[in-house]
C-alpha cells in the first residue's frame, strides 16, 4: 500500500508565519522534511506542516484526529510552557521534546498570539547577542 502524497501547508500560512519569523535577527527560512521551518543559527524555532494519515505525526498520535490538519510547532519554557501544554486545544504537547509545543492553525487562529509565540520561541533558541537586539 503506497502512502498518499504529502500535503504542504498553504502559501498564506507560510507567508504569515514567515513575515513574523523573518523579521527577527538572523532568522532564515528553509524547507523541512515536510512543511517549512524557520531557524536561527542551526536551531529551529518554528515549523509549520500538515499532519496527515500515512505519515508519522505527534499531533495525530496525541489527538487521534485523522483529517489533514495544519500545525505549528515552536519552543517554550517555564510558566509559558506549562500554561500552553495545560490549555488544551488548539495546543498540544509532542512527546518527543520537553520544550516543544504544537498549535493547530485554522480559521480561529489568533495571529497576534502566533506572533508572540514565534518571537518567544526565537528568544528561547537564539544566542544572547541576538536576543539582546530584540530588546524586551
N, C-alpha and C. Protein backbone atom coordinates (compact mmCIF):
# COMPACT_ATOMS: atom_id res chain seq x y z
N UNK A 1 0.84 -1.18 0.00
CA UNK A 1 0.00 0.00 0.00
C UNK A 1 0.89 1.24 0.00
N UNK A 2 0.69 2.11 -0.95
CA UNK A 2 1.53 3.31 -1.03
C UNK A 2 0.91 4.44 -0.20
N UNK A 3 1.78 5.33 0.23
CA UNK A 3 1.32 6.47 1.02
C UNK A 3 0.78 7.54 0.10
N UNK A 4 -0.15 8.35 0.62
CA UNK A 4 -0.65 9.46 -0.18
C UNK A 4 0.44 10.52 -0.34
N UNK A 5 0.33 11.37 -1.36
CA UNK A 5 1.33 12.44 -1.49
C UNK A 5 1.25 13.37 -0.28
N UNK A 6 2.39 13.93 0.06
CA UNK A 6 2.44 14.90 1.16
C UNK A 6 1.60 16.12 0.84
N UNK A 7 0.87 16.59 1.84
CA UNK A 7 0.13 17.84 1.73
C UNK A 7 1.01 18.91 2.38
N UNK A 8 1.27 19.96 1.67
CA UNK A 8 2.08 21.05 2.22
C UNK A 8 1.16 22.14 2.78
N UNK A 9 1.64 22.90 3.77
CA UNK A 9 0.82 23.98 4.32
C UNK A 9 0.54 25.03 3.24
N UNK A 10 -0.57 25.73 3.38
CA UNK A 10 -0.94 26.72 2.38
C UNK A 10 0.09 27.85 2.33
N UNK A 11 0.22 28.41 1.14
CA UNK A 11 1.14 29.53 0.96
C UNK A 11 0.81 30.70 1.87
N UNK A 12 -0.48 30.94 2.12
CA UNK A 12 -0.88 32.04 3.01
C UNK A 12 -0.35 31.84 4.42
N UNK A 13 -0.45 30.62 4.92
CA UNK A 13 0.02 30.32 6.28
C UNK A 13 1.54 30.47 6.34
N UNK A 14 2.24 29.92 5.36
CA UNK A 14 3.71 30.02 5.33
C UNK A 14 4.10 31.49 5.26
N UNK A 15 3.41 32.27 4.45
CA UNK A 15 3.73 33.69 4.32
C UNK A 15 3.49 34.45 5.62
N UNK A 16 2.39 34.14 6.31
CA UNK A 16 2.09 34.84 7.57
C UNK A 16 3.14 34.54 8.63
N UNK A 17 3.48 33.27 8.78
CA UNK A 17 4.49 32.90 9.78
C UNK A 17 5.85 33.44 9.35
N UNK A 18 6.15 33.35 8.07
CA UNK A 18 7.42 33.86 7.56
C UNK A 18 7.58 35.34 7.81
N UNK A 19 6.53 36.11 7.66
CA UNK A 19 6.64 37.56 7.89
C UNK A 19 6.98 37.85 9.35
N UNK A 20 6.51 37.02 10.25
CA UNK A 20 6.84 37.16 11.68
C UNK A 20 8.28 36.72 11.91
N UNK A 21 8.57 35.50 11.49
CA UNK A 21 9.87 34.88 11.79
C UNK A 21 11.03 35.62 11.13
N UNK A 22 10.85 36.02 9.89
CA UNK A 22 11.96 36.64 9.17
C UNK A 22 12.22 38.09 9.59
N UNK A 23 11.36 38.64 10.43
CA UNK A 23 11.61 39.97 10.98
C UNK A 23 12.57 39.91 12.17
N UNK A 24 12.92 38.71 12.60
CA UNK A 24 13.80 38.52 13.75
C UNK A 24 15.25 38.42 13.29
N UNK A 25 16.20 38.94 14.08
CA UNK A 25 17.61 39.00 13.66
C UNK A 25 18.19 37.63 13.27
N UNK A 26 18.79 37.59 12.09
CA UNK A 26 19.49 36.41 11.56
C UNK A 26 18.60 35.18 11.37
N UNK A 27 17.29 35.35 11.39
CA UNK A 27 16.40 34.22 11.15
C UNK A 27 16.37 33.91 9.66
N UNK A 28 16.19 32.65 9.33
CA UNK A 28 16.07 32.25 7.94
C UNK A 28 15.05 31.13 7.80
N UNK A 29 14.54 30.98 6.58
CA UNK A 29 13.51 30.01 6.27
C UNK A 29 14.10 28.92 5.41
N UNK A 30 13.65 27.68 5.62
CA UNK A 30 14.07 26.59 4.75
C UNK A 30 12.99 25.52 4.71
N UNK A 31 12.99 24.77 3.61
CA UNK A 31 12.10 23.63 3.52
C UNK A 31 12.57 22.59 4.52
N UNK A 32 11.62 21.97 5.20
CA UNK A 32 11.93 20.88 6.13
C UNK A 32 11.56 19.56 5.45
N UNK A 33 11.73 18.45 6.13
CA UNK A 33 11.36 17.16 5.55
C UNK A 33 9.90 17.16 5.15
N UNK A 34 9.12 17.96 5.83
CA UNK A 34 7.75 18.27 5.43
C UNK A 34 7.46 19.67 5.94
N UNK A 35 6.78 20.43 5.16
CA UNK A 35 6.48 21.79 5.57
C UNK A 35 7.69 22.71 5.48
N UNK A 36 7.61 23.79 6.24
CA UNK A 36 8.64 24.83 6.22
C UNK A 36 9.04 25.12 7.66
N UNK A 37 10.33 25.40 7.85
CA UNK A 37 10.79 25.74 9.20
C UNK A 37 11.59 27.03 9.15
N UNK A 38 11.64 27.70 10.31
CA UNK A 38 12.41 28.93 10.47
C UNK A 38 13.43 28.66 11.56
N UNK A 39 14.67 29.11 11.29
CA UNK A 39 15.78 28.79 12.18
C UNK A 39 16.59 30.03 12.49
N UNK A 40 17.30 29.94 13.59
CA UNK A 40 18.33 30.91 13.94
C UNK A 40 19.56 30.08 14.27
N UNK A 41 20.64 30.39 13.58
CA UNK A 41 21.83 29.53 13.60
C UNK A 41 21.37 28.15 13.17
N UNK A 42 21.56 27.12 13.94
CA UNK A 42 21.12 25.79 13.50
C UNK A 42 19.90 25.29 14.26
N UNK A 43 19.23 26.19 15.00
CA UNK A 43 18.10 25.78 15.83
C UNK A 43 16.76 26.20 15.20
N UNK A 44 15.86 25.25 15.12
CA UNK A 44 14.53 25.53 14.61
C UNK A 44 13.69 26.16 15.71
N UNK A 45 13.11 27.33 15.41
CA UNK A 45 12.23 27.97 16.40
C UNK A 45 10.77 27.98 15.97
N UNK A 46 10.47 27.61 14.73
CA UNK A 46 9.09 27.47 14.27
C UNK A 46 9.08 26.52 13.08
N UNK A 47 8.05 25.69 13.02
CA UNK A 47 7.92 24.72 11.93
C UNK A 47 6.43 24.53 11.65
N UNK A 48 6.03 24.75 10.43
CA UNK A 48 4.63 24.55 10.05
C UNK A 48 4.55 23.38 9.07
N UNK A 49 3.57 22.52 9.29
CA UNK A 49 3.40 21.33 8.46
C UNK A 49 1.94 20.91 8.50
N UNK A 50 1.61 19.95 7.67
CA UNK A 50 0.27 19.37 7.69
C UNK A 50 0.39 17.95 8.23
N UNK A 51 -0.28 17.70 9.36
CA UNK A 51 -0.36 16.35 9.91
C UNK A 51 -1.40 15.59 9.10
N UNK A 52 -1.01 14.43 8.57
CA UNK A 52 -1.94 13.69 7.72
C UNK A 52 -1.71 12.19 7.86
N UNK A 53 -2.73 11.43 7.51
CA UNK A 53 -2.63 9.98 7.55
C UNK A 53 -1.54 9.50 6.60
N UNK A 54 -0.90 8.40 6.99
CA UNK A 54 0.14 7.83 6.15
C UNK A 54 1.54 8.28 6.53
N UNK A 55 1.63 9.25 7.45
CA UNK A 55 2.92 9.79 7.88
C UNK A 55 2.92 9.91 9.40
N UNK A 56 4.09 9.75 9.99
CA UNK A 56 4.23 9.90 11.43
C UNK A 56 3.81 11.31 11.82
N UNK A 57 3.03 11.41 12.89
CA UNK A 57 2.54 12.71 13.32
C UNK A 57 2.28 12.71 14.82
N UNK A 58 3.02 13.51 15.56
CA UNK A 58 2.76 13.64 17.00
C UNK A 58 1.36 14.17 17.24
N UNK A 59 0.92 15.11 16.39
CA UNK A 59 -0.42 15.67 16.56
C UNK A 59 -1.47 14.57 16.45
N UNK A 60 -1.39 13.76 15.42
CA UNK A 60 -2.37 12.68 15.25
C UNK A 60 -2.26 11.66 16.38
N UNK A 61 -1.03 11.36 16.82
CA UNK A 61 -0.85 10.40 17.92
C UNK A 61 -1.48 10.92 19.21
N UNK A 62 -1.32 12.21 19.49
CA UNK A 62 -1.82 12.80 20.73
C UNK A 62 -3.34 12.98 20.70
N UNK A 63 -3.86 13.41 19.55
CA UNK A 63 -5.29 13.78 19.48
C UNK A 63 -6.18 12.73 18.86
N UNK A 64 -5.63 11.86 18.03
CA UNK A 64 -6.45 10.89 17.32
C UNK A 64 -7.16 11.47 16.10
N UNK A 65 -6.95 12.75 15.80
CA UNK A 65 -7.58 13.39 14.65
C UNK A 65 -6.97 12.80 13.38
N UNK A 66 -7.83 12.43 12.44
CA UNK A 66 -7.33 11.79 11.22
C UNK A 66 -7.34 12.70 10.00
N UNK A 67 -8.19 13.74 9.98
CA UNK A 67 -8.19 14.60 8.79
C UNK A 67 -6.94 15.46 8.76
N UNK A 68 -6.47 15.83 7.57
CA UNK A 68 -5.28 16.67 7.46
C UNK A 68 -5.45 17.96 8.27
N UNK A 69 -4.45 18.27 9.07
CA UNK A 69 -4.52 19.42 9.99
C UNK A 69 -3.20 20.18 9.93
N UNK A 70 -3.29 21.49 9.71
CA UNK A 70 -2.09 22.33 9.70
C UNK A 70 -1.70 22.65 11.13
N UNK A 71 -0.44 22.37 11.46
CA UNK A 71 0.06 22.62 12.81
C UNK A 71 1.36 23.41 12.76
N UNK A 72 1.56 24.19 13.80
CA UNK A 72 2.79 24.94 14.01
C UNK A 72 3.43 24.39 15.27
N UNK A 73 4.73 24.07 15.20
CA UNK A 73 5.45 23.72 16.42
C UNK A 73 6.46 24.81 16.71
N UNK A 74 6.69 25.04 17.99
CA UNK A 74 7.59 26.09 18.45
C UNK A 74 8.08 25.70 19.83
N UNK A 75 9.04 26.44 20.35
CA UNK A 75 9.61 26.13 21.67
C UNK A 75 9.08 27.09 22.73
N UNK A 76 8.99 26.58 23.94
CA UNK A 76 8.55 27.38 25.08
C UNK A 76 9.24 26.85 26.33
N UNK A 77 9.21 27.65 27.38
CA UNK A 77 9.82 27.22 28.63
C UNK A 77 9.07 27.84 29.80
N UNK A 78 9.38 27.34 30.99
CA UNK A 78 8.86 27.91 32.22
C UNK A 78 7.34 27.96 32.30
N UNK A 79 6.83 29.07 32.83
CA UNK A 79 5.39 29.23 33.03
C UNK A 79 4.63 29.19 31.71
N UNK A 80 5.22 29.76 30.65
CA UNK A 80 4.55 29.76 29.35
C UNK A 80 4.35 28.32 28.85
N UNK A 81 5.39 27.50 28.96
CA UNK A 81 5.31 26.10 28.55
C UNK A 81 4.21 25.40 29.33
N UNK A 82 4.21 25.56 30.62
CA UNK A 82 3.22 24.91 31.47
C UNK A 82 1.80 25.35 31.10
N UNK A 83 1.61 26.65 30.92
CA UNK A 83 0.28 27.17 30.59
C UNK A 83 -0.20 26.61 29.25
N UNK A 84 0.68 26.59 28.27
CA UNK A 84 0.27 26.13 26.93
C UNK A 84 -0.06 24.64 26.91
N UNK A 85 0.77 23.82 27.52
CA UNK A 85 0.51 22.38 27.46
C UNK A 85 -0.72 22.00 28.28
N UNK A 86 -1.08 22.83 29.26
CA UNK A 86 -2.27 22.56 30.06
C UNK A 86 -3.52 23.23 29.51
N UNK A 87 -3.37 24.07 28.49
CA UNK A 87 -4.51 24.82 27.95
C UNK A 87 -5.45 23.94 27.14
N UNK A 88 -4.92 22.88 26.54
CA UNK A 88 -5.75 22.07 25.65
C UNK A 88 -5.84 22.74 24.29
N UNK A 89 -6.77 22.26 23.44
CA UNK A 89 -6.87 22.77 22.07
C UNK A 89 -6.96 24.30 22.04
N UNK A 90 -6.23 24.91 21.11
CA UNK A 90 -5.56 24.34 19.94
C UNK A 90 -4.14 23.87 20.21
N UNK A 91 -3.71 23.83 21.49
CA UNK A 91 -2.34 23.45 21.82
C UNK A 91 -2.26 21.97 22.16
N UNK A 92 -1.09 21.38 21.92
CA UNK A 92 -0.82 20.00 22.30
C UNK A 92 0.68 19.86 22.56
N UNK A 93 1.06 18.79 23.21
CA UNK A 93 2.47 18.56 23.57
C UNK A 93 3.01 17.35 22.83
N UNK A 94 3.89 17.55 21.85
CA UNK A 94 4.53 16.39 21.22
C UNK A 94 5.38 15.64 22.26
N UNK A 95 5.30 14.33 22.29
CA UNK A 95 6.03 13.59 23.32
C UNK A 95 7.54 13.53 23.10
N UNK A 96 8.03 13.94 21.94
CA UNK A 96 9.44 13.78 21.61
C UNK A 96 10.33 14.91 22.09
N UNK A 97 9.79 15.95 22.72
CA UNK A 97 10.64 17.03 23.23
C UNK A 97 10.00 17.68 24.44
N UNK A 98 10.79 17.96 25.47
CA UNK A 98 10.23 18.61 26.66
C UNK A 98 9.98 20.12 26.47
N UNK A 99 10.46 20.70 25.37
CA UNK A 99 10.32 22.15 25.20
C UNK A 99 9.51 22.55 23.97
N UNK A 100 8.98 21.57 23.24
CA UNK A 100 8.23 21.89 22.02
C UNK A 100 6.74 21.81 22.30
N UNK A 101 6.02 22.79 21.77
CA UNK A 101 4.56 22.84 21.86
C UNK A 101 4.04 22.89 20.43
N UNK A 102 2.90 22.26 20.21
CA UNK A 102 2.24 22.33 18.92
C UNK A 102 0.96 23.13 19.04
N UNK A 103 0.57 23.72 17.92
CA UNK A 103 -0.64 24.53 17.87
C UNK A 103 -1.33 24.30 16.53
N UNK A 104 -2.61 24.00 16.57
CA UNK A 104 -3.38 23.86 15.34
C UNK A 104 -3.63 25.25 14.77
N UNK A 105 -3.41 25.39 13.47
CA UNK A 105 -3.71 26.64 12.78
C UNK A 105 -4.95 26.43 11.94
N UNK A 106 -5.97 27.24 12.19
CA UNK A 106 -7.22 27.12 11.45
C UNK A 106 -7.89 28.49 11.37
N UNK A 107 -9.16 28.51 11.01
CA UNK A 107 -9.88 29.78 10.86
C UNK A 107 -10.00 30.56 12.17
N UNK A 108 -9.85 29.87 13.31
CA UNK A 108 -9.96 30.53 14.61
C UNK A 108 -8.63 30.99 15.18
N UNK A 109 -7.55 30.82 14.43
CA UNK A 109 -6.22 31.19 14.91
C UNK A 109 -6.12 32.68 15.17
N UNK A 110 -5.56 33.02 16.32
CA UNK A 110 -5.29 34.41 16.68
C UNK A 110 -3.84 34.70 16.27
N UNK A 111 -3.67 35.44 15.18
CA UNK A 111 -2.34 35.64 14.61
C UNK A 111 -1.45 36.53 15.47
N UNK A 112 -2.02 37.40 16.30
CA UNK A 112 -1.20 38.17 17.24
C UNK A 112 -0.56 37.22 18.26
N UNK A 113 -1.32 36.21 18.67
CA UNK A 113 -0.79 35.21 19.60
C UNK A 113 0.32 34.40 18.92
N UNK A 114 0.11 34.03 17.66
CA UNK A 114 1.15 33.30 16.91
C UNK A 114 2.43 34.13 16.86
N UNK A 115 2.30 35.42 16.58
CA UNK A 115 3.48 36.30 16.52
C UNK A 115 4.21 36.30 17.85
N UNK A 116 3.48 36.39 18.92
CA UNK A 116 4.08 36.39 20.26
C UNK A 116 4.78 35.06 20.55
N UNK A 117 4.13 33.95 20.22
CA UNK A 117 4.70 32.62 20.48
C UNK A 117 5.94 32.35 19.63
N UNK A 118 5.90 32.76 18.37
CA UNK A 118 7.06 32.58 17.49
C UNK A 118 8.23 33.43 17.98
N UNK A 119 7.94 34.65 18.40
CA UNK A 119 9.00 35.53 18.91
C UNK A 119 9.60 34.97 20.19
N UNK A 120 8.78 34.47 21.10
CA UNK A 120 9.29 33.87 22.33
C UNK A 120 10.09 32.60 22.04
N UNK A 121 9.67 31.84 21.06
CA UNK A 121 10.42 30.64 20.67
C UNK A 121 11.79 31.03 20.12
N UNK A 122 11.82 32.10 19.33
CA UNK A 122 13.08 32.62 18.82
C UNK A 122 13.99 32.99 20.01
N UNK A 123 13.44 33.70 20.99
CA UNK A 123 14.23 34.07 22.18
C UNK A 123 14.81 32.83 22.86
N UNK A 124 14.04 31.76 22.89
CA UNK A 124 14.48 30.51 23.51
C UNK A 124 15.68 29.93 22.76
N UNK A 125 15.68 30.06 21.44
CA UNK A 125 16.70 29.40 20.60
C UNK A 125 17.90 30.27 20.25
N UNK A 126 17.71 31.58 20.21
CA UNK A 126 18.75 32.48 19.71
C UNK A 126 19.86 32.69 20.74
N UNK A 127 21.08 32.92 20.27
CA UNK A 127 22.15 33.27 21.20
C UNK A 127 21.87 34.63 21.85
N UNK A 128 22.47 34.83 23.01
CA UNK A 128 22.22 36.03 23.81
C UNK A 128 22.39 37.32 23.00
N UNK A 129 23.44 37.38 22.19
CA UNK A 129 23.72 38.58 21.40
C UNK A 129 22.51 38.95 20.52
N UNK A 130 21.90 37.94 19.90
CA UNK A 130 20.75 38.21 19.04
C UNK A 130 19.51 38.53 19.86
N UNK A 131 19.34 37.85 20.98
CA UNK A 131 18.19 38.16 21.86
C UNK A 131 18.26 39.61 22.33
N UNK A 132 19.45 40.08 22.64
CA UNK A 132 19.61 41.46 23.11
C UNK A 132 19.20 42.46 22.04
N UNK A 133 19.35 42.11 20.78
CA UNK A 133 18.96 43.03 19.70
C UNK A 133 17.45 43.20 19.65
N UNK A 134 16.71 42.27 20.22
CA UNK A 134 15.25 42.39 20.24
C UNK A 134 14.75 43.37 21.30
N UNK A 135 15.55 43.55 22.35
CA UNK A 135 15.05 44.35 23.47
C UNK A 135 14.02 43.53 24.23
N UNK A 136 13.17 44.17 24.93
CA UNK A 136 12.13 43.46 25.70
C UNK A 136 10.81 44.00 25.42
